C-alpha cells in the first residue's frame, strides 16, 4: 500500500483558547502526518505565529485564518510548506478556500473548509455561499 500523497485532517475542537486543546490538536495532526490541518470553530480573534505552532505543530506553521465573531466561529487552514503550497486564499463569511499544490506531484486542487451558522436567519446566506464555492 502506498503512502497518502496529501493527508488532510479536519477538526472542530470547539475553541482553541486553552493550551490543552491546542496541544491535543497539534498532537493529532502530527499522529495523522497531516500535510494540511483545517480547523473550524477556533473561537479566536487572531492567530500569531507562535499560536500557529502551538495549534498545528512546528511543521504546519503557515496558515490562512478567518477570525471568530466574538466567541463564535473562526476557521483556519495550516499547512506544511515543504510538502504543499497554498495560494489564492479566499476568505468568505463561512469558509476559507485556497488552491493547494502538492509539491512533489505538481497536482493542484481547490480546498474549502467551512463552518456553518447556528442562527436560522443566517442559513440562506450560508447556503448561497456553498453554492458559490
N, C-alpha and C. Protein backbone atom coordinates (compact mmCIF):
# COMPACT_ATOMS: atom_id res chain seq x y z
N UNK A 1 0.84 -1.18 0.00
CA UNK A 1 0.00 0.00 0.00
C UNK A 1 0.89 1.25 0.00
N UNK A 2 0.54 2.21 -0.83
CA UNK A 2 1.36 3.41 -0.94
C UNK A 2 0.97 4.43 0.13
N UNK A 3 1.89 5.32 0.42
CA UNK A 3 1.68 6.38 1.40
C UNK A 3 0.76 7.45 0.80
N UNK A 4 -0.17 8.00 1.60
CA UNK A 4 -1.04 9.07 1.08
C UNK A 4 -0.21 10.24 0.58
N UNK A 5 -0.66 10.85 -0.51
CA UNK A 5 0.07 11.94 -1.13
C UNK A 5 -0.09 13.24 -0.35
N UNK A 6 -1.29 13.48 0.17
CA UNK A 6 -1.55 14.75 0.85
C UNK A 6 -2.59 14.54 1.97
N UNK A 7 -2.17 13.96 3.09
CA UNK A 7 -3.13 13.76 4.18
C UNK A 7 -3.66 15.09 4.70
N UNK A 8 -4.99 15.15 4.84
CA UNK A 8 -5.66 16.35 5.33
C UNK A 8 -6.48 15.96 6.56
N UNK A 9 -6.33 16.72 7.63
CA UNK A 9 -7.10 16.49 8.84
C UNK A 9 -8.01 17.69 9.06
N UNK A 10 -9.30 17.44 9.23
CA UNK A 10 -10.27 18.48 9.55
C UNK A 10 -10.82 18.23 10.94
N UNK A 11 -10.96 19.32 11.73
CA UNK A 11 -11.39 19.14 13.11
C UNK A 11 -12.11 20.37 13.62
N UNK A 12 -13.16 20.15 14.40
CA UNK A 12 -13.84 21.20 15.15
C UNK A 12 -13.58 20.95 16.63
N UNK A 13 -12.57 21.62 17.19
CA UNK A 13 -12.23 21.40 18.60
C UNK A 13 -13.10 22.21 19.57
N UNK A 14 -14.06 22.98 19.03
CA UNK A 14 -14.94 23.82 19.83
C UNK A 14 -14.16 24.84 20.67
N UNK A 15 -13.20 25.44 20.01
CA UNK A 15 -12.41 26.50 20.64
C UNK A 15 -10.97 26.09 20.88
N UNK A 16 -10.08 27.04 20.65
CA UNK A 16 -8.64 26.81 20.84
C UNK A 16 -8.04 27.81 21.82
N UNK A 17 -8.84 28.25 22.77
CA UNK A 17 -8.36 29.23 23.74
C UNK A 17 -7.52 28.61 24.85
N UNK A 18 -7.58 27.31 25.03
CA UNK A 18 -6.78 26.70 26.10
C UNK A 18 -5.55 26.00 25.51
N UNK A 19 -4.47 26.03 26.27
CA UNK A 19 -3.23 25.37 25.86
C UNK A 19 -3.44 23.88 25.71
N UNK A 20 -4.28 23.29 26.55
CA UNK A 20 -4.52 21.84 26.49
C UNK A 20 -5.18 21.44 25.17
N UNK A 21 -6.16 22.22 24.71
CA UNK A 21 -6.81 21.91 23.42
C UNK A 21 -5.83 22.08 22.26
N UNK A 22 -5.04 23.13 22.31
CA UNK A 22 -4.05 23.35 21.25
C UNK A 22 -3.07 22.18 21.19
N UNK A 23 -2.65 21.71 22.34
CA UNK A 23 -1.71 20.59 22.40
C UNK A 23 -2.31 19.32 21.81
N UNK A 24 -3.58 19.05 22.11
CA UNK A 24 -4.24 17.86 21.58
C UNK A 24 -4.37 17.94 20.06
N UNK A 25 -4.75 19.12 19.55
CA UNK A 25 -4.89 19.29 18.09
C UNK A 25 -3.54 19.11 17.41
N UNK A 26 -2.49 19.71 17.94
CA UNK A 26 -1.15 19.57 17.35
C UNK A 26 -0.68 18.12 17.39
N UNK A 27 -0.96 17.43 18.50
CA UNK A 27 -0.56 16.03 18.61
C UNK A 27 -1.30 15.16 17.59
N UNK A 28 -2.60 15.39 17.43
CA UNK A 28 -3.37 14.60 16.47
C UNK A 28 -2.91 14.88 15.04
N UNK A 29 -2.64 16.14 14.72
CA UNK A 29 -2.15 16.47 13.37
C UNK A 29 -0.82 15.77 13.11
N UNK A 30 0.01 15.72 14.12
CA UNK A 30 1.30 15.04 13.98
C UNK A 30 1.11 13.54 13.81
N UNK A 31 0.26 12.93 14.62
CA UNK A 31 0.00 11.49 14.51
C UNK A 31 -0.60 11.12 13.16
N UNK A 32 -1.44 12.01 12.62
CA UNK A 32 -2.06 11.79 11.31
C UNK A 32 -1.10 12.09 10.17
N UNK A 33 0.07 12.66 10.50
CA UNK A 33 1.04 13.06 9.49
C UNK A 33 0.40 13.98 8.45
N UNK A 34 -0.46 14.88 8.95
CA UNK A 34 -1.24 15.75 8.07
C UNK A 34 -0.36 16.80 7.38
N UNK A 35 -0.49 16.86 6.08
CA UNK A 35 0.14 17.94 5.33
C UNK A 35 -0.62 19.23 5.53
N UNK A 36 -1.95 19.08 5.71
CA UNK A 36 -2.85 20.22 5.89
C UNK A 36 -3.76 19.93 7.07
N UNK A 37 -3.97 20.94 7.91
CA UNK A 37 -4.88 20.87 9.03
C UNK A 37 -5.93 21.96 8.87
N UNK A 38 -7.20 21.56 8.79
CA UNK A 38 -8.32 22.50 8.69
C UNK A 38 -9.05 22.50 10.03
N UNK A 39 -9.18 23.68 10.63
CA UNK A 39 -9.82 23.78 11.94
C UNK A 39 -11.01 24.73 11.85
N UNK A 40 -12.16 24.23 12.30
CA UNK A 40 -13.37 25.04 12.36
C UNK A 40 -13.69 25.34 13.82
N UNK A 41 -14.34 26.46 14.06
CA UNK A 41 -14.74 26.92 15.39
C UNK A 41 -13.51 27.11 16.29
N UNK A 42 -12.57 27.91 15.79
CA UNK A 42 -11.38 28.21 16.59
C UNK A 42 -11.73 29.09 17.79
N UNK A 43 -12.75 29.92 17.65
CA UNK A 43 -13.16 30.90 18.66
C UNK A 43 -12.04 31.90 18.95
N UNK A 44 -11.16 32.12 17.96
CA UNK A 44 -10.03 33.04 18.13
C UNK A 44 -10.22 34.27 17.26
N UNK A 45 -9.92 35.43 17.81
CA UNK A 45 -9.98 36.68 17.05
C UNK A 45 -8.72 36.91 16.24
N UNK A 46 -7.62 36.28 16.67
CA UNK A 46 -6.36 36.41 15.95
C UNK A 46 -5.52 35.16 16.21
N UNK A 47 -4.55 34.94 15.34
CA UNK A 47 -3.59 33.84 15.49
C UNK A 47 -2.21 34.40 15.19
N UNK A 48 -1.32 34.29 16.14
CA UNK A 48 0.07 34.72 15.94
C UNK A 48 0.88 33.54 15.40
N UNK A 49 2.11 33.81 14.99
CA UNK A 49 2.98 32.74 14.52
C UNK A 49 3.21 31.70 15.62
N UNK A 50 3.38 32.14 16.86
CA UNK A 50 3.58 31.18 17.95
C UNK A 50 2.30 30.41 18.25
N UNK A 51 1.13 31.04 18.08
CA UNK A 51 -0.14 30.33 18.22
C UNK A 51 -0.24 29.22 17.18
N UNK A 52 0.13 29.54 15.94
CA UNK A 52 0.05 28.57 14.85
C UNK A 52 0.87 27.32 15.17
N UNK A 53 2.06 27.51 15.69
CA UNK A 53 2.92 26.37 16.04
C UNK A 53 2.29 25.58 17.18
N UNK A 54 1.72 26.26 18.17
CA UNK A 54 1.08 25.57 19.30
C UNK A 54 -0.15 24.78 18.85
N UNK A 55 -0.90 25.30 17.87
CA UNK A 55 -2.12 24.67 17.39
C UNK A 55 -1.84 23.53 16.43
N UNK A 56 -0.96 23.76 15.47
CA UNK A 56 -0.78 22.82 14.36
C UNK A 56 0.54 22.07 14.38
N UNK A 57 1.45 22.46 15.25
CA UNK A 57 2.77 21.82 15.29
C UNK A 57 3.76 22.59 14.44
N UNK A 58 5.05 22.41 14.71
CA UNK A 58 6.08 23.21 14.03
C UNK A 58 6.18 22.98 12.52
N UNK A 59 5.74 21.83 12.03
CA UNK A 59 5.85 21.60 10.58
C UNK A 59 4.71 22.24 9.79
N UNK A 60 3.63 22.63 10.48
CA UNK A 60 2.49 23.27 9.82
C UNK A 60 2.34 24.70 10.32
N UNK A 61 3.37 25.50 10.16
CA UNK A 61 3.38 26.85 10.72
C UNK A 61 2.78 27.90 9.78
N UNK A 62 2.56 27.57 8.52
CA UNK A 62 1.93 28.51 7.58
C UNK A 62 0.41 28.39 7.74
N UNK A 63 -0.30 29.52 7.59
CA UNK A 63 -1.74 29.45 7.79
C UNK A 63 -2.49 30.60 7.13
N UNK A 64 -3.77 30.32 6.84
CA UNK A 64 -4.76 31.32 6.48
C UNK A 64 -5.81 31.26 7.58
N UNK A 65 -6.44 32.41 7.87
CA UNK A 65 -7.28 32.48 9.05
C UNK A 65 -8.46 33.41 8.85
N UNK A 66 -9.66 32.95 9.23
CA UNK A 66 -10.86 33.77 9.28
C UNK A 66 -11.20 33.95 10.76
N UNK A 67 -11.14 35.18 11.29
CA UNK A 67 -11.35 35.38 12.73
C UNK A 67 -12.77 35.02 13.17
N UNK A 68 -12.88 34.66 14.44
CA UNK A 68 -14.18 34.42 15.05
C UNK A 68 -14.91 35.75 15.21
N UNK A 69 -16.22 35.68 15.26
CA UNK A 69 -17.05 36.85 15.56
C UNK A 69 -17.44 36.74 17.03
N UNK A 70 -16.78 37.51 17.85
CA UNK A 70 -16.98 37.37 19.30
C UNK A 70 -16.43 36.02 19.73
N UNK A 71 -17.30 35.20 20.29
CA UNK A 71 -16.87 33.86 20.73
C UNK A 71 -17.37 32.78 19.79
N UNK A 72 -17.83 33.16 18.60
CA UNK A 72 -18.38 32.17 17.67
C UNK A 72 -17.56 32.09 16.39
N UNK A 73 -17.43 30.86 15.89
CA UNK A 73 -16.80 30.66 14.60
C UNK A 73 -15.29 30.72 14.63
N UNK A 74 -14.76 31.13 13.52
CA UNK A 74 -13.31 31.14 13.33
C UNK A 74 -12.88 29.89 12.58
N UNK A 75 -12.14 30.10 11.50
CA UNK A 75 -11.68 29.00 10.65
C UNK A 75 -10.21 29.22 10.34
N UNK A 76 -9.44 28.14 10.32
CA UNK A 76 -8.02 28.26 9.95
C UNK A 76 -7.60 27.05 9.13
N UNK A 77 -6.71 27.29 8.19
CA UNK A 77 -6.03 26.23 7.45
C UNK A 77 -4.54 26.39 7.71
N UNK A 78 -3.91 25.33 8.21
CA UNK A 78 -2.47 25.30 8.46
C UNK A 78 -1.86 24.28 7.50
N UNK A 79 -0.63 24.54 7.05
CA UNK A 79 -0.02 23.58 6.14
C UNK A 79 1.49 23.50 6.30
N UNK A 80 2.01 22.37 5.83
CA UNK A 80 3.44 22.10 5.82
C UNK A 80 3.98 22.57 4.47
N UNK A 81 4.70 23.69 4.48
CA UNK A 81 5.17 24.31 3.24
C UNK A 81 6.26 23.50 2.54
N UNK A 82 6.81 22.50 3.18
CA UNK A 82 7.79 21.64 2.49
C UNK A 82 7.09 20.56 1.67
N UNK A 83 5.78 20.37 1.89
CA UNK A 83 5.03 19.34 1.17
C UNK A 83 3.98 19.90 0.22
N UNK A 84 3.35 21.01 0.62
CA UNK A 84 2.29 21.61 -0.18
C UNK A 84 2.43 23.12 -0.20
N UNK A 85 1.87 23.71 -1.24
CA UNK A 85 1.80 25.16 -1.36
C UNK A 85 0.33 25.54 -1.40
N UNK A 86 -0.08 26.55 -0.64
CA UNK A 86 -1.43 27.06 -0.70
C UNK A 86 -1.39 28.49 -1.21
N UNK A 87 -2.28 28.80 -2.13
CA UNK A 87 -2.30 30.13 -2.74
C UNK A 87 -3.74 30.53 -3.04
N UNK A 88 -3.90 31.74 -3.51
CA UNK A 88 -5.20 32.26 -3.93
C UNK A 88 -6.26 32.08 -2.84
N UNK A 89 -5.91 32.42 -1.62
CA UNK A 89 -6.83 32.27 -0.49
C UNK A 89 -8.02 33.22 -0.65
N UNK A 90 -9.20 32.68 -0.40
CA UNK A 90 -10.42 33.48 -0.39
C UNK A 90 -11.10 33.27 0.96
N UNK A 91 -11.25 34.37 1.70
CA UNK A 91 -11.95 34.34 2.98
C UNK A 91 -13.36 34.84 2.75
N UNK A 92 -14.34 34.01 3.10
CA UNK A 92 -15.73 34.41 2.99
C UNK A 92 -16.33 34.41 4.40
N UNK A 93 -17.60 34.63 4.50
CA UNK A 93 -18.24 34.71 5.81
C UNK A 93 -18.22 33.38 6.56
N UNK A 94 -18.37 32.26 5.81
CA UNK A 94 -18.48 30.95 6.44
C UNK A 94 -17.41 29.96 5.98
N UNK A 95 -16.44 30.41 5.20
CA UNK A 95 -15.48 29.46 4.64
C UNK A 95 -14.13 30.12 4.34
N UNK A 96 -13.14 29.26 4.25
CA UNK A 96 -11.81 29.65 3.79
C UNK A 96 -11.47 28.67 2.67
N UNK A 97 -11.09 29.19 1.52
CA UNK A 97 -10.73 28.36 0.37
C UNK A 97 -9.35 28.75 -0.14
N UNK A 98 -8.64 27.78 -0.68
CA UNK A 98 -7.32 28.05 -1.25
C UNK A 98 -7.00 26.97 -2.29
N UNK A 99 -6.13 27.34 -3.21
CA UNK A 99 -5.62 26.36 -4.16
C UNK A 99 -4.43 25.66 -3.52
N UNK A 100 -4.50 24.34 -3.47
CA UNK A 100 -3.44 23.52 -2.91
C UNK A 100 -2.64 22.91 -4.05
N UNK A 101 -1.32 23.02 -3.99
CA UNK A 101 -0.44 22.35 -4.94
C UNK A 101 0.44 21.39 -4.17
N UNK A 102 0.39 20.12 -4.54
CA UNK A 102 1.24 19.11 -3.93
C UNK A 102 2.60 19.22 -4.61
N UNK A 103 3.61 19.63 -3.88
CA UNK A 103 4.89 20.00 -4.47
C UNK A 103 5.57 18.86 -5.22
N UNK A 104 5.58 17.66 -4.68
CA UNK A 104 6.31 16.57 -5.35
C UNK A 104 5.56 16.01 -6.56
N UNK A 105 4.27 16.33 -6.69
CA UNK A 105 3.47 15.84 -7.82
C UNK A 105 3.13 16.94 -8.82
N UNK A 106 3.08 18.19 -8.34
CA UNK A 106 2.66 19.28 -9.21
C UNK A 106 1.16 19.33 -9.42
N UNK A 107 0.42 18.50 -8.70
CA UNK A 107 -1.04 18.43 -8.80
C UNK A 107 -1.66 19.52 -7.94
N UNK A 108 -2.71 20.15 -8.47
CA UNK A 108 -3.40 21.21 -7.73
C UNK A 108 -4.88 20.89 -7.60
N UNK A 109 -5.48 21.41 -6.53
CA UNK A 109 -6.92 21.28 -6.32
C UNK A 109 -7.39 22.41 -5.41
N UNK A 110 -8.68 22.66 -5.41
CA UNK A 110 -9.28 23.67 -4.55
C UNK A 110 -9.71 23.01 -3.25
N UNK A 111 -9.31 23.60 -2.14
CA UNK A 111 -9.70 23.12 -0.82
C UNK A 111 -10.53 24.20 -0.15
N UNK A 112 -11.68 23.82 0.39
CA UNK A 112 -12.51 24.73 1.16
C UNK A 112 -12.82 24.08 2.50
N UNK A 113 -12.71 24.86 3.56
CA UNK A 113 -13.14 24.40 4.87
C UNK A 113 -14.21 25.36 5.35
N UNK A 114 -15.25 24.80 5.97
CA UNK A 114 -16.50 25.53 6.20
C UNK A 114 -16.91 25.43 7.66
N UNK A 115 -17.50 26.50 8.17
CA UNK A 115 -18.16 26.47 9.47
C UNK A 115 -19.50 27.17 9.32
N UNK A 116 -20.58 26.41 9.42
CA UNK A 116 -21.92 26.95 9.19
C UNK A 116 -22.52 27.61 10.42
N UNK A 117 -23.47 28.49 10.19
CA UNK A 117 -24.10 29.23 11.30
C UNK A 117 -25.14 28.39 12.03
N UNK A 118 -25.33 28.68 13.30
CA UNK A 118 -26.39 28.05 14.07
C UNK A 118 -27.69 28.84 13.94
N UNK A 119 -27.59 30.14 13.65
CA UNK A 119 -28.76 31.01 13.59
C UNK A 119 -29.54 30.78 12.30
N UNK A 120 -30.83 30.56 12.41
CA UNK A 120 -31.69 30.31 11.25
C UNK A 120 -31.63 31.44 10.23
N UNK A 121 -31.55 32.69 10.69
CA UNK A 121 -31.58 33.82 9.76
C UNK A 121 -30.32 33.91 8.89
N UNK A 122 -29.24 33.24 9.30
CA UNK A 122 -28.01 33.25 8.50
C UNK A 122 -27.91 32.06 7.54
N UNK A 123 -28.80 31.10 7.68
CA UNK A 123 -28.70 29.89 6.85
C UNK A 123 -28.87 30.14 5.35
N UNK A 124 -29.77 31.03 4.91
CA UNK A 124 -29.83 31.31 3.47
C UNK A 124 -28.51 31.86 2.92
N UNK A 125 -27.87 32.76 3.67
CA UNK A 125 -26.57 33.30 3.23
C UNK A 125 -25.52 32.20 3.20
N UNK A 126 -25.55 31.30 4.17
CA UNK A 126 -24.62 30.16 4.20
C UNK A 126 -24.81 29.28 2.96
N UNK A 127 -26.06 28.93 2.67
CA UNK A 127 -26.34 28.07 1.52
C UNK A 127 -25.94 28.74 0.21
N UNK A 128 -26.14 30.04 0.11
CA UNK A 128 -25.70 30.76 -1.10
C UNK A 128 -24.19 30.72 -1.23
N UNK A 129 -23.48 30.87 -0.13
CA UNK A 129 -22.02 30.80 -0.17
C UNK A 129 -21.56 29.41 -0.60
N UNK A 130 -22.24 28.37 -0.12
CA UNK A 130 -21.88 27.00 -0.52
C UNK A 130 -22.11 26.79 -2.01
N UNK A 131 -23.19 27.37 -2.53
CA UNK A 131 -23.44 27.28 -3.98
C UNK A 131 -22.34 27.96 -4.77
N UNK A 132 -21.86 29.09 -4.26
CA UNK A 132 -20.84 29.84 -4.99
C UNK A 132 -19.48 29.13 -4.97
N UNK A 133 -19.25 28.27 -3.99
CA UNK A 133 -17.99 27.52 -3.95
C UNK A 133 -17.95 26.51 -5.07
